[in-house]
Amino acid sequence: MLLSWTPNMSVGIAVFDEDHKQIVELVNELHDAIEAGHSRQALGSVIVKLLEYACTHCRREETLFDQTGYPDADEHKKEHEALYAAAAGMKERFQNDSSSKFALEVMNYMYGWLVNHIQGSDKLYAPYLNAAGIH
């Protein structure tokens, strides 16, 4: 296991905390698959699940931003756009480079995204959404 969910990772919004927990689980699943030397197909399956789930989570956030009029939504969405682009590039690259080294790059990217985006940007929207009655 690479990463453990801790209460200080919470953004105070249950649906997003559950999403973040799922992303942590998928990062750990990829880590474990790399460590175990799993096949290209197994690594690819986890990579696709991880990237797609992260993008689904971002779209869920954006929907709530639009519904509540979150004032910093545009800035936050720019970070999501970077993830969407990176995910698309990683999925495409996987077709030509299915090595465990590439899988490690994906894992490291998503680990960094968890730490920087969730613990940084996502913590910023919590007070606004909480004040709008979203917990």
C-alpha atoms as a PDB file:
ATOM      1  CA  MET A   1       0.000   0.000   0.000  1.00  0.00           C
ATOM      2  CA  LEU A   2       1.307   3.407  -0.980  1.00  0.00           C
ATOM      3  CA  LEU A   3      -1.206   5.769   0.555  1.00  0.00           C
ATOM      4  CA  SER A   4      -3.724   5.643   3.393  1.00  0.00           C
ATOM      5  CA  TRP A   5      -6.814   7.788   3.675  1.00  0.00           C
ATOM      6  CA  THR A   6      -6.692   9.951   6.785  1.00  0.00           C
ATOM      7  CA  PRO A   7      -9.314  12.264   8.264  1.00  0.00           C
ATOM      8  CA  ASN A   8      -7.189  15.324   7.477  1.00  0.00           C
ATOM      9  CA  MET A   9      -7.727  14.506   3.781  1.00  0.00           C
ATOM     10  CA  SER A  10     -11.447  15.154   4.156  1.00  0.00           C
ATOM     11  CA  VAL A  11     -12.961  18.143   2.387  1.00  0.00           C
ATOM     12  CA  GLY A  12     -16.113  17.940   4.503  1.00  0.00           C
ATOM     13  CA  ILE A  13     -18.390  16.928   1.634  1.00  0.00           C
ATOM     14  CA  ALA A  14     -19.341  13.263   1.837  1.00  0.00           C
ATOM     15  CA  VAL A  15     -19.686  12.513  -1.883  1.00  0.00           C
ATOM     16  CA  PHE A  16     -16.301  14.072  -2.649  1.00  0.00           C
ATOM     17  CA  ASP A  17     -14.629  12.377   0.298  1.00  0.00           C
ATOM     18  CA  GLU A  18     -15.926   9.047  -1.012  1.00  0.00           C
ATOM     19  CA  ASP A  19     -14.606   9.886  -4.479  1.00  0.00           C
ATOM     20  CA  HIS A  20     -11.228  10.780  -3.022  1.00  0.00           C
ATOM     21  CA  LYS A  21     -11.150   7.533  -1.036  1.00  0.00           C
ATOM     22  CA  GLN A  22     -11.860   5.610  -4.235  1.00  0.00           C
ATOM     23  CA  ILE A  23      -9.012   7.424  -6.018  1.00  0.00           C
ATOM     24  CA  VAL A  24      -6.684   6.549  -3.113  1.00  0.00           C
ATOM     25  CA  GLU A  25      -7.770   2.893  -3.453  1.00  0.00           C
ATOM     26  CA  LEU A  26      -7.110   2.923  -7.192  1.00  0.00           C
ATOM     27  CA  VAL A  27      -3.671   4.514  -6.758  1.00  0.00           C
ATOM     28  CA  ASN A  28      -2.904   1.787  -4.224  1.00  0.00           C
ATOM     29  CA  GLU A  29      -4.251  -0.884  -6.581  1.00  0.00           C
ATOM     30  CA  LEU A  30      -1.937   0.380  -9.329  1.00  0.00           C
ATOM     31  CA  HIS A  31       0.986   0.469  -6.902  1.00  0.00           C
ATOM     32  CA  ASP A  32       0.307  -3.109  -5.811  1.00  0.00           C
ATOM     33  CA  ALA A  33      -0.051  -4.300  -9.422  1.00  0.00           C
ATOM     34  CA  ILE A  34       3.299  -2.727 -10.323  1.00  0.00           C
ATOM     35  CA  GLU A  35       4.982  -4.229  -7.265  1.00  0.00           C
ATOM     36  CA  ALA A  36       3.554  -7.661  -8.076  1.00  0.00           C
ATOM     37  CA  GLY A  37       4.756  -7.455 -11.680  1.00  0.00           C
ATOM     38  CA  HIS A  38       1.286  -7.838 -13.152  1.00  0.00           C
ATOM     39  CA  SER A  39       0.761  -8.119 -16.886  1.00  0.00           C
ATOM     40  CA  ARG A  40       0.324  -5.272 -19.350  1.00  0.00           C
ATOM     41  CA  GLN A  41      -3.394  -6.024 -19.481  1.00  0.00           C
ATOM     42  CA  ALA A  42      -3.778  -5.918 -15.693  1.00  0.00           C
ATOM     43  CA  LEU A  43      -1.823  -2.660 -15.415  1.00  0.00           C
ATOM     44  CA  GLY A  44      -3.817  -1.157 -18.274  1.00  0.00           C
ATOM     45  CA  SER A  45      -7.098  -2.050 -16.640  1.00  0.00           C
ATOM     46  CA  VAL A  46      -6.145  -0.294 -13.413  1.00  0.00           C
ATOM     47  CA  ILE A  47      -4.701   2.725 -15.251  1.00  0.00           C
ATOM     48  CA  VAL A  48      -7.908   3.211 -17.233  1.00  0.00           C
ATOM     49  CA  LYS A  49     -10.109   2.794 -14.133  1.00  0.00           C
ATOM     50  CA  LEU A  50      -8.003   5.292 -12.186  1.00  0.00           C
ATOM     51  CA  LEU A  51      -7.911   7.946 -14.896  1.00  0.00           C
ATOM     52  CA  GLU A  52     -11.584   7.607 -15.774  1.00  0.00           C
ATOM     53  CA  TYR A  53     -12.685   7.723 -12.146  1.00  0.00           C
ATOM     54  CA  ALA A  54     -10.598  10.837 -11.476  1.00  0.00           C
ATOM     55  CA  CYS A  55     -12.200  12.570 -14.469  1.00  0.00           C
ATOM     56  CA  THR A  56     -15.692  11.483 -13.372  1.00  0.00           C
ATOM     57  CA  HIS A  57     -14.982  12.940  -9.942  1.00  0.00           C
ATOM     58  CA  CYS A  58     -13.913  16.264 -11.453  1.00  0.00           C
ATOM     59  CA  ARG A  59     -17.085  16.467 -13.536  1.00  0.00           C
ATOM     60  CA  ARG A  60     -19.114  15.795 -10.365  1.00  0.00           C
ATOM     61  CA  GLU A  61     -17.374  18.722  -8.665  1.00  0.00           C
ATOM     62  CA  GLU A  62     -17.999  20.969 -11.653  1.00  0.00           C
ATOM     63  CA  THR A  63     -21.709  20.153 -11.627  1.00  0.00           C
ATOM     64  CA  LEU A  64     -21.963  21.259  -7.988  1.00  0.00           C
ATOM     65  CA  PHE A  65     -19.924  24.383  -8.724  1.00  0.00           C
ATOM     66  CA  ASP A  66     -22.383  25.301 -11.475  1.00  0.00           C
ATOM     67  CA  GLN A  67     -25.400  24.563  -9.264  1.00  0.00           C
ATOM     68  CA  THR A  68     -24.104  26.685  -6.379  1.00  0.00           C
ATOM     69  CA  GLY A  69     -22.369  29.471  -8.288  1.00  0.00           C
ATOM     70  CA  TYR A  70     -18.988  28.734  -6.700  1.00  0.00           C
ATOM     71  CA  PRO A  71     -17.022  31.945  -7.376  1.00  0.00           C
ATOM     72  CA  ASP A  72     -13.650  30.260  -7.990  1.00  0.00           C
ATOM     73  CA  ALA A  73     -15.071  27.600 -10.302  1.00  0.00           C
ATOM     74  CA  ASP A  74     -13.250  28.832 -13.416  1.00  0.00           C
ATOM     75  CA  GLU A  75      -9.852  28.606 -11.751  1.00  0.00           C
ATOM     76  CA  HIS A  76     -10.636  25.185 -10.326  1.00  0.00           C
ATOM     77  CA  LYS A  77     -11.917  23.950 -13.684  1.00  0.00           C
ATOM     78  CA  LYS A  78      -8.594  24.937 -15.268  1.00  0.00           C
ATOM     79  CA  GLU A  79      -6.900  22.416 -12.993  1.00  0.00           C
ATOM     80  CA  HIS A  80      -9.447  19.822 -14.060  1.00  0.00           C
ATOM     81  CA  GLU A  81      -8.774  20.622 -17.724  1.00  0.00           C
ATOM     82  CA  ALA A  82      -5.091  19.877 -17.107  1.00  0.00           C
ATOM     83  CA  LEU A  83      -6.053  16.515 -15.599  1.00  0.00           C
ATOM     84  CA  TYR A  84      -8.380  15.718 -18.524  1.00  0.00           C
ATOM     85  CA  ALA A  85      -5.581  16.464 -20.990  1.00  0.00           C
ATOM     86  CA  ALA A  86      -3.028  14.470 -19.002  1.00  0.00           C
ATOM     87  CA  ALA A  87      -5.413  11.516 -18.667  1.00  0.00           C
ATOM     88  CA  ALA A  88      -6.143  11.494 -22.406  1.00  0.00           C
ATOM     89  CA  GLY A  89      -2.423  11.634 -23.159  1.00  0.00           C
ATOM     90  CA  MET A  90      -1.643   8.850 -20.707  1.00  0.00           C
ATOM     91  CA  LYS A  91      -4.368   6.598 -22.112  1.00  0.00           C
ATOM     92  CA  GLU A  92      -3.070   7.189 -25.639  1.00  0.00           C
ATOM     93  CA  ARG A  93       0.528   6.669 -24.589  1.00  0.00           C
ATOM     94  CA  PHE A  94      -0.370   3.382 -22.910  1.00  0.00           C
ATOM     95  CA  GLN A  95      -1.180   1.959 -26.346  1.00  0.00           C
ATOM     96  CA  ASN A  96       2.529   2.296 -27.250  1.00  0.00           C
ATOM     97  CA  ASP A  97       4.213   2.044 -23.856  1.00  0.00           C
ATOM     98  CA  SER A  98       2.698  -0.489 -21.508  1.00  0.00           C
ATOM     99  CA  SER A  99       5.774  -0.960 -19.376  1.00  0.00           C
ATOM    100  CA  SER A 100       5.758  -0.973 -15.618  1.00  0.00           C
ATOM    101  CA  LYS A 101       7.886   2.200 -15.863  1.00  0.00           C
ATOM    102  CA  PHE A 102       4.989   3.964 -17.601  1.00  0.00           C
ATOM    103  CA  ALA A 103       2.534   2.572 -15.033  1.00  0.00           C
ATOM    104  CA  LEU A 104       4.801   4.010 -12.339  1.00  0.00           C
ATOM    105  CA  GLU A 105       4.677   7.416 -14.053  1.00  0.00           C
ATOM    106  CA  VAL A 106       0.870   7.291 -14.034  1.00  0.00           C
ATOM    107  CA  MET A 107       0.856   6.282 -10.372  1.00  0.00           C
ATOM    108  CA  ASN A 108       3.248   9.093  -9.451  1.00  0.00           C
ATOM    109  CA  TYR A 109       1.224  11.641 -11.420  1.00  0.00           C
ATOM    110  CA  MET A 110      -2.014  10.633  -9.702  1.00  0.00           C
ATOM    111  CA  TYR A 111      -0.342  10.503  -6.302  1.00  0.00           C
ATOM    112  CA  GLY A 112       0.886  14.062  -6.841  1.00  0.00           C
ATOM    113  CA  TRP A 113      -2.542  15.121  -8.014  1.00  0.00           C
ATOM    114  CA  LEU A 114      -4.116  13.652  -4.884  1.00  0.00           C
ATOM    115  CA  VAL A 115      -1.710  15.497  -2.634  1.00  0.00           C
ATOM    116  CA  ASN A 116      -1.661  18.822  -4.466  1.00  0.00           C
ATOM    117  CA  HIS A 117      -5.147  19.156  -5.920  1.00  0.00           C
ATOM    118  CA  ILE A 118      -7.276  17.499  -3.287  1.00  0.00           C
ATOM    119  CA  GLN A 119      -5.347  18.794  -0.313  1.00  0.00           C
ATOM    120  CA  GLY A 120      -4.954  22.219  -1.906  1.00  0.00           C
ATOM    121  CA  SER A 121      -7.639  23.337  -4.336  1.00  0.00           C
ATOM    122  CA  ASP A 122     -10.399  21.044  -3.147  1.00  0.00           C
ATOM    123  CA  LYS A 123     -10.038  22.238   0.435  1.00  0.00           C
ATOM    124  CA  LEU A 124     -10.742  25.769  -0.815  1.00  0.00           C
ATOM    125  CA  TYR A 125     -14.268  25.044  -2.091  1.00  0.00           C
ATOM    126  CA  ALA A 126     -15.407  23.231   1.046  1.00  0.00           C
ATOM    127  CA  PRO A 127     -16.402  26.310   3.105  1.00  0.00           C
ATOM    128  CA  TYR A 128     -18.416  27.743   0.216  1.00  0.00           C
ATOM    129  CA  LEU A 129     -20.238  24.504  -0.521  1.00  0.00           C
ATOM    130  CA  ASN A 130     -20.779  23.820   3.197  1.00  0.00           C
ATOM    131  CA  ALA A 131     -22.352  27.276   3.547  1.00  0.00           C
ATOM    132  CA  ALA A 132     -24.645  26.327   0.639  1.00  0.00           C
ATOM    133  CA  GLY A 133     -25.804  23.325   2.684  1.00  0.00           C
ATOM    134  CA  ILE A 134     -23.664  20.694   0.985  1.00  0.00           C
ATOM    135  CA  HIS A 135     -21.900  18.381   3.432  1.00  0.00           C
END
